[in-house]
Every structure is written in C-alpha cells, then in structure tokens.
Amino acid sequence: MPLLPESAAPLPVVVTRPLQQAGGFAARVQQLGRRAVVFPLLTIGPVEDATELKATLARLPEFALVVFVSPNAIDAAFAHLQGWPRQLPIGIVGEGSRVALRAHGVEGCNATIYGPQRADKMDSEELFKSLPLEQLRGKRALIVRGQDGRDFLSEALRQQGVEVEHVTAYRRLAPELDAPGRLQLLELLDGGADWVITSSEALRNLLHMARLAGGEERVVKLQRQRIVVSHHRIAETARELGFVQVDLTGSGDERLLAALAPPAP
C-alpha cells in the first residue's frame, strides 16, 4: 500500500514581545506542539533618571486612583516599591497587567482593581466605563506609563473633574536589526510564519525591519502572513498597513494560545 504524503509541518509562531516577557509565552506555544521563535519587536528599558519616578511613588497616598498602562509599567514601578497601599485602587487595561500585579503580590483579595469588562475590547475607553467617577471627582489620579501614550483616559477623567498626573516609568525602544537578526527575519519572511503581535508600535517596527532586511519584496511577503493580535486597535492598524490575514483574539494569553492551537485531528 502506498505511503500517504506527510502533512506539511505547521508554521513557526513568532513571539514578538520584549525579551523579558517572551519566554513564558513561548514555552506555552511549544506546549501546543508549535515551534516558537522569539523575535522581540520592542526593547523595554529603564528611564535614564528615576528621580521623578521615585519621588512620585513616594506620594502615592495623595492619589485616589493609580492607573498602570501595561505590565511594563507595573514592573517598572514595583521595582521601587516595598508593597502596595491596600486602600489605593488600581486601574489596568489588560489581563497581562492583572498577571503582572499578581506576580508582585497584588490581587483582588488585597486591593481594589478596576479593569475593562469586555474581553474583546480591553482598552482605556472600557477601563473608564468601569471607574467609580462619583468617588473620584475632585480628587487626583496618577497614570504610570512609558515615555508617551494615548491621552483618552487623561482627558476623560479631567472632564469628570478628576485631576490627572503622569509619570514615566520605562522607555520603549525599537531593537536594532543586527546581522543575525536580519538573517533570522529573512528566513521567517521567506519560509512563512504566524506572528503574535500585542502592540501597534511593535507592528510598525516589524514592517520597518522587513523593509530594511529585504526591501519591498519582503514587505509584501510579510503582509500576506498571518498575524494574531490581542486588541481591536492593533487589528485596525494592521489592516491600514496592508496585512490581509489578521486574527483578532481579544485580550489575554489564553485567547492568543487558543487561536494558535493546531486543529484537532
């Protein structure tokens, strides 16, 4: 009896998170039976001078709410904290931030944590809807973020009579494309891959790196590959940038992994 042809091996899954956050997710991708390739599209670095960050964190009792824009903001702030004031509410915009808080010993049993209620739309607009605005009016809120960010939440809170202060906790940098990175990227572009993208900024970096590595021909190849994204705004950015296979899963690693799981035999 003739042998049946073997089915094609599944494409590699490219984990593009910053290196500090990529390993755990890559391991879970491997557990699915998929090959994981770590290719960071953002580098997270400390602020050059942490004086302002430390001084602001020393004033936490002055605030009625602290919002962390990302897991990176949480990790950067908690590097300078001994613990969290139980009475101070926290705002987050994604499940990754809830996991990061838990890693620092902060969760629903010992802190008040506000977050979006819709799993398919984890963003500052949905966080705003969940906040106790009556309790916040006339008080102060702190937003802990990277060197810049969207200002919807700041403006929305100010319109509700909340005084808003920002502090920069970390820097987001585009990684340099060195010679080994260029070869690895060309291999992924030519051989095909599924890309896990959790930031619009990272997606723009990827497009720029593909252009540097192989010109417009490789950009076209990239735009035809599947990207798996966690947020509707990233999906919108991807389509605007010419990507044609955009898989929107919603926030949280479980949803990303479910989209990457091989089909049942």
Protein backbone atom coordinates (compact mmCIF):
# COMPACT_ATOMS: atom_id res chain seq x y z
CA MET A 1 0.00 0.00 0.00
CA PRO A 2 1.50 3.36 -0.98
CA LEU A 3 2.50 5.67 1.81
CA LEU A 4 0.36 8.75 2.29
CA PRO A 5 2.27 12.04 1.99
CA GLU A 6 3.07 13.62 5.31
CA SER A 7 1.11 16.77 6.07
CA ALA A 8 3.09 19.98 5.97
CA ALA A 9 4.67 20.97 9.25
CA PRO A 10 2.90 23.85 10.96
CA LEU A 11 4.48 27.26 10.54
CA PRO A 12 6.58 28.63 13.37
CA VAL A 13 4.95 31.03 15.81
CA VAL A 14 6.91 34.25 16.23
CA VAL A 15 6.68 35.72 19.74
CA THR A 16 7.43 39.42 19.39
CA ARG A 17 7.09 40.63 22.97
CA PRO A 18 10.03 42.29 24.71
CA LEU A 19 12.61 39.72 25.71
CA GLN A 20 11.74 39.95 29.42
CA GLN A 21 8.15 38.83 28.68
CA ALA A 22 8.64 36.47 25.75
CA GLY A 23 9.98 33.31 27.39
CA GLY A 24 6.90 32.22 29.32
CA PHE A 25 4.56 32.68 26.36
CA ALA A 26 7.00 30.94 24.00
CA ALA A 27 7.09 27.94 26.34
CA ARG A 28 3.30 27.69 26.26
CA VAL A 29 3.34 27.86 22.46
CA GLN A 30 5.79 24.93 22.46
CA GLN A 31 3.39 23.00 24.70
CA LEU A 32 0.79 23.33 21.95
CA GLY A 33 3.10 21.43 19.61
CA ARG A 34 4.07 24.58 17.70
CA ARG A 35 7.63 25.78 17.25
CA ALA A 36 8.12 29.14 18.95
CA VAL A 37 10.61 31.71 17.70
CA VAL A 38 11.39 34.66 19.96
CA PHE A 39 11.91 37.80 17.87
CA PRO A 40 11.34 40.91 20.03
CA LEU A 41 9.97 43.96 18.26
CA LEU A 42 10.29 46.26 21.28
CA THR A 43 13.02 46.73 23.83
CA ILE A 44 11.97 47.90 27.29
CA GLY A 45 14.49 49.97 29.17
CA PRO A 46 14.51 51.90 32.44
CA VAL A 47 14.14 55.66 32.47
CA GLU A 48 17.51 57.36 32.29
CA ASP A 49 16.88 59.14 35.59
CA ALA A 50 14.47 57.52 38.06
CA THR A 51 14.39 60.52 40.42
CA GLU A 52 10.95 61.73 39.29
CA LEU A 53 9.51 58.21 39.32
CA LYS A 54 10.74 57.51 42.85
CA ALA A 55 9.51 60.89 44.11
CA THR A 56 6.07 60.36 42.58
CA LEU A 57 5.72 56.85 44.00
CA ALA A 58 6.64 58.24 47.42
CA ARG A 59 3.46 60.38 47.16
CA LEU A 60 1.05 57.52 46.48
CA PRO A 61 -1.22 58.41 49.46
CA GLU A 62 -2.06 61.68 47.67
CA PHE A 63 -3.90 59.83 44.89
CA ALA A 64 -7.37 58.31 44.76
CA LEU A 65 -6.50 56.05 41.82
CA VAL A 66 -3.34 54.79 40.10
CA VAL A 67 -3.60 53.51 36.52
CA PHE A 68 -0.90 51.28 35.05
CA VAL A 69 -0.99 51.32 31.26
CA SER A 70 0.82 47.97 30.81
CA PRO A 71 2.64 45.13 32.58
CA ASN A 72 5.87 47.02 31.87
CA ALA A 73 4.58 50.00 33.85
CA ILE A 74 3.74 47.70 36.76
CA ASP A 75 7.14 46.01 36.78
CA ALA A 76 8.99 49.32 36.49
CA ALA A 77 7.04 50.92 39.34
CA PHE A 78 7.18 47.94 41.69
CA ALA A 79 10.97 47.87 41.31
CA HIS A 80 10.86 50.94 43.58
CA LEU A 81 8.06 49.85 45.93
CA GLN A 82 8.09 47.69 49.04
CA GLY A 83 4.37 46.94 48.77
CA TRP A 84 1.05 48.44 47.74
CA PRO A 85 -1.24 50.57 49.95
CA ARG A 86 -4.32 48.38 50.38
CA GLN A 87 -6.71 51.34 50.32
CA LEU A 88 -5.41 52.73 46.98
CA PRO A 89 -7.41 51.49 43.95
CA ILE A 90 -5.63 50.42 40.76
CA GLY A 91 -6.74 50.71 37.15
CA ILE A 92 -5.49 48.36 34.42
CA VAL A 93 -6.29 47.88 30.74
CA GLY A 94 -5.50 44.22 30.07
CA GLU A 95 -5.25 40.75 31.53
CA GLY A 96 -1.48 40.85 31.23
CA SER A 97 -1.45 43.65 33.78
CA ARG A 98 -3.55 41.59 36.17
CA VAL A 99 -0.98 38.80 35.90
CA ALA A 100 1.86 41.27 36.49
CA LEU A 101 0.16 42.62 39.61
CA ARG A 102 -0.31 39.10 40.92
CA ALA A 103 3.41 38.47 40.45
CA HIS A 104 4.01 41.38 42.83
CA GLY A 105 1.52 40.06 45.39
CA VAL A 106 -1.36 42.38 44.44
CA GLU A 107 -4.73 40.89 43.50
CA GLY A 108 -8.44 41.23 44.14
CA CYS A 109 -8.26 39.85 47.67
CA ASN A 110 -5.94 42.59 48.91
CA ALA A 111 -6.55 45.50 46.54
CA THR A 112 -9.34 47.15 44.54
CA ILE A 113 -8.56 46.61 40.85
CA TYR A 114 -10.64 48.20 38.08
CA GLY A 115 -10.42 46.93 34.52
CA PRO A 116 -12.43 46.65 31.31
CA GLN A 117 -15.45 44.37 31.50
CA ARG A 118 -15.37 43.37 27.82
CA ALA A 119 -12.80 40.71 26.97
CA ASP A 120 -12.93 41.69 23.29
CA LYS A 121 -12.18 45.37 23.91
CA MET A 122 -9.51 45.82 26.55
CA ASP A 123 -8.56 49.50 26.35
CA SER A 124 -8.65 52.80 28.22
CA GLU A 125 -12.17 53.58 26.98
CA GLU A 126 -13.52 50.41 28.56
CA LEU A 127 -11.50 51.00 31.73
CA PHE A 128 -13.03 54.46 32.01
CA LYS A 129 -16.53 52.95 31.94
CA SER A 130 -15.67 50.74 34.93
CA LEU A 131 -14.33 53.52 37.19
CA PRO A 132 -16.31 54.96 40.15
CA LEU A 133 -16.36 58.50 38.80
CA GLU A 134 -18.52 59.92 41.61
CA GLN A 135 -15.86 58.86 44.11
CA LEU A 136 -13.03 60.30 42.01
CA ARG A 137 -14.40 63.79 41.31
CA GLY A 138 -12.36 66.48 42.98
CA LYS A 139 -9.51 64.05 43.66
CA ARG A 140 -6.26 63.12 41.95
CA ALA A 141 -5.33 60.19 39.72
CA LEU A 142 -1.88 59.03 38.66
CA ILE A 143 -1.19 57.37 35.32
CA VAL A 144 2.02 55.31 35.19
CA ARG A 145 3.17 54.82 31.60
CA GLY A 146 6.03 54.76 29.08
CA GLN A 147 7.51 57.92 27.68
CA ASP A 148 4.29 58.77 25.90
CA GLY A 149 0.86 57.31 25.31
CA ARG A 150 -2.71 57.87 24.21
CA ASP A 151 -4.40 60.59 26.20
CA PHE A 152 -8.04 59.48 26.06
CA LEU A 153 -8.16 58.49 29.71
CA SER A 154 -6.47 61.67 30.93
CA GLU A 155 -8.90 63.91 29.07
CA ALA A 156 -11.93 61.83 30.00
CA LEU A 157 -11.03 61.95 33.70
CA ARG A 158 -10.36 65.69 33.62
CA GLN A 159 -13.75 66.27 32.03
CA GLN A 160 -15.21 64.49 35.06
CA GLY A 161 -13.43 66.80 37.48
CA VAL A 162 -10.50 64.49 38.27
CA GLU A 163 -7.01 65.99 38.44
CA VAL A 164 -4.59 63.80 36.46
CA GLU A 165 -0.83 63.43 36.83
CA HIS A 166 1.50 61.30 34.71
CA VAL A 167 4.83 59.69 35.47
CA THR A 168 7.18 57.94 33.05
CA ALA A 169 8.28 54.56 34.39
CA TYR A 170 10.07 52.99 31.41
CA ARG A 171 11.18 53.55 27.84
CA ARG A 172 10.08 51.68 24.71
CA LEU A 173 12.79 51.38 22.08
CA ALA A 174 12.93 49.80 18.64
CA PRO A 175 15.50 46.98 18.61
CA GLU A 176 18.48 47.27 16.30
CA LEU A 177 18.48 44.87 13.35
CA ASP A 178 21.93 43.27 13.52
CA ALA A 179 23.29 40.73 11.03
CA PRO A 180 21.99 37.58 12.84
CA GLY A 181 18.61 39.26 13.33
CA ARG A 182 18.43 40.13 9.64
CA LEU A 183 19.13 36.53 8.62
CA GLN A 184 16.54 35.23 11.07
CA LEU A 185 13.95 37.71 9.83
CA LEU A 186 14.60 36.84 6.17
CA GLU A 187 14.18 33.15 6.99
CA LEU A 188 10.82 33.85 8.62
CA LEU A 189 9.66 36.06 5.78
CA ASP A 190 10.67 33.58 3.09
CA GLY A 191 9.52 30.43 4.89
CA GLY A 192 6.30 31.77 6.38
CA ALA A 193 5.23 32.24 9.99
CA ASP A 194 2.38 33.16 12.30
CA TRP A 195 3.19 36.40 14.14
CA VAL A 196 1.83 37.20 17.60
CA ILE A 197 1.56 40.99 17.85
CA THR A 198 0.48 42.73 21.06
CA SER A 199 1.34 46.34 20.21
CA SER A 200 0.70 48.63 17.23
CA GLU A 201 4.14 50.13 17.79
CA ALA A 202 5.69 46.66 17.53
CA LEU A 203 3.83 46.04 14.27
CA ARG A 204 5.20 49.24 12.76
CA ASN A 205 8.69 48.23 13.89
CA LEU A 206 8.24 44.85 12.18
CA LEU A 207 7.26 46.45 8.89
CA HIS A 208 10.26 48.80 9.07
CA MET A 209 12.63 45.92 9.86
CA ALA A 210 11.27 43.83 6.99
CA ARG A 211 11.88 46.74 4.63
CA LEU A 212 15.44 47.17 5.94
CA ALA A 213 16.16 43.45 5.67
CA GLY A 214 14.77 42.73 2.24
CA GLY A 215 13.08 45.70 0.60
CA GLU A 216 9.54 45.88 -0.70
CA GLU A 217 9.52 42.27 -1.89
CA ARG A 218 9.86 41.05 1.71
CA VAL A 219 7.32 43.59 2.94
CA VAL A 220 4.75 42.10 0.56
CA LYS A 221 5.57 38.60 1.82
CA LEU A 222 5.10 39.78 5.39
CA GLN A 223 1.76 41.42 4.64
CA ARG A 224 0.46 38.08 3.36
CA GLN A 225 1.41 36.17 6.50
CA ARG A 226 -0.97 35.61 9.39
CA ILE A 227 -0.76 37.90 12.39
CA VAL A 228 -2.57 37.15 15.63
CA VAL A 229 -3.44 40.26 17.63
CA SER A 230 -4.95 40.86 21.05
CA HIS A 231 -6.68 44.21 20.54
CA HIS A 232 -9.06 45.73 18.02
CA ARG A 233 -6.86 48.81 17.63
CA ILE A 234 -3.89 46.66 16.62
CA ALA A 235 -6.14 44.88 14.12
CA GLU A 236 -7.17 48.24 12.64
CA THR A 237 -3.53 49.31 12.39
CA ALA A 238 -2.62 46.02 10.71
CA ARG A 239 -5.27 46.41 8.04
CA GLU A 240 -4.23 50.02 7.45
CA LEU A 241 -0.65 48.78 6.94
CA GLY A 242 -1.74 46.27 4.30
CA PHE A 243 -1.94 43.00 6.26
CA VAL A 244 -4.57 40.64 4.89
CA GLN A 245 -4.63 37.78 7.45
CA VAL A 246 -5.47 39.46 10.75
CA ASP A 247 -6.80 37.25 13.55
CA LEU A 248 -8.25 39.27 16.45
CA THR A 249 -8.49 37.17 19.62
CA GLY A 250 -9.21 39.60 22.45
CA SER A 251 -7.05 40.26 25.49
CA GLY A 252 -5.25 37.57 27.47
CA ASP A 253 -2.75 34.83 26.71
CA GLU A 254 -5.41 32.10 26.82
CA ARG A 255 -7.22 33.60 23.84
CA LEU A 256 -3.99 34.05 21.89
CA LEU A 257 -2.99 30.45 22.58
CA ALA A 258 -6.41 29.15 21.59
CA ALA A 259 -6.00 30.85 18.20
CA LEU A 260 -2.57 29.25 17.77
CA ALA A 261 -3.55 25.72 18.78
CA PRO A 262 -3.32 23.17 15.95
CA PRO A 263 -6.68 21.87 14.72
CA ALA A 264 -7.87 18.68 16.35
CA PRO A 265 -7.08 15.54 14.29
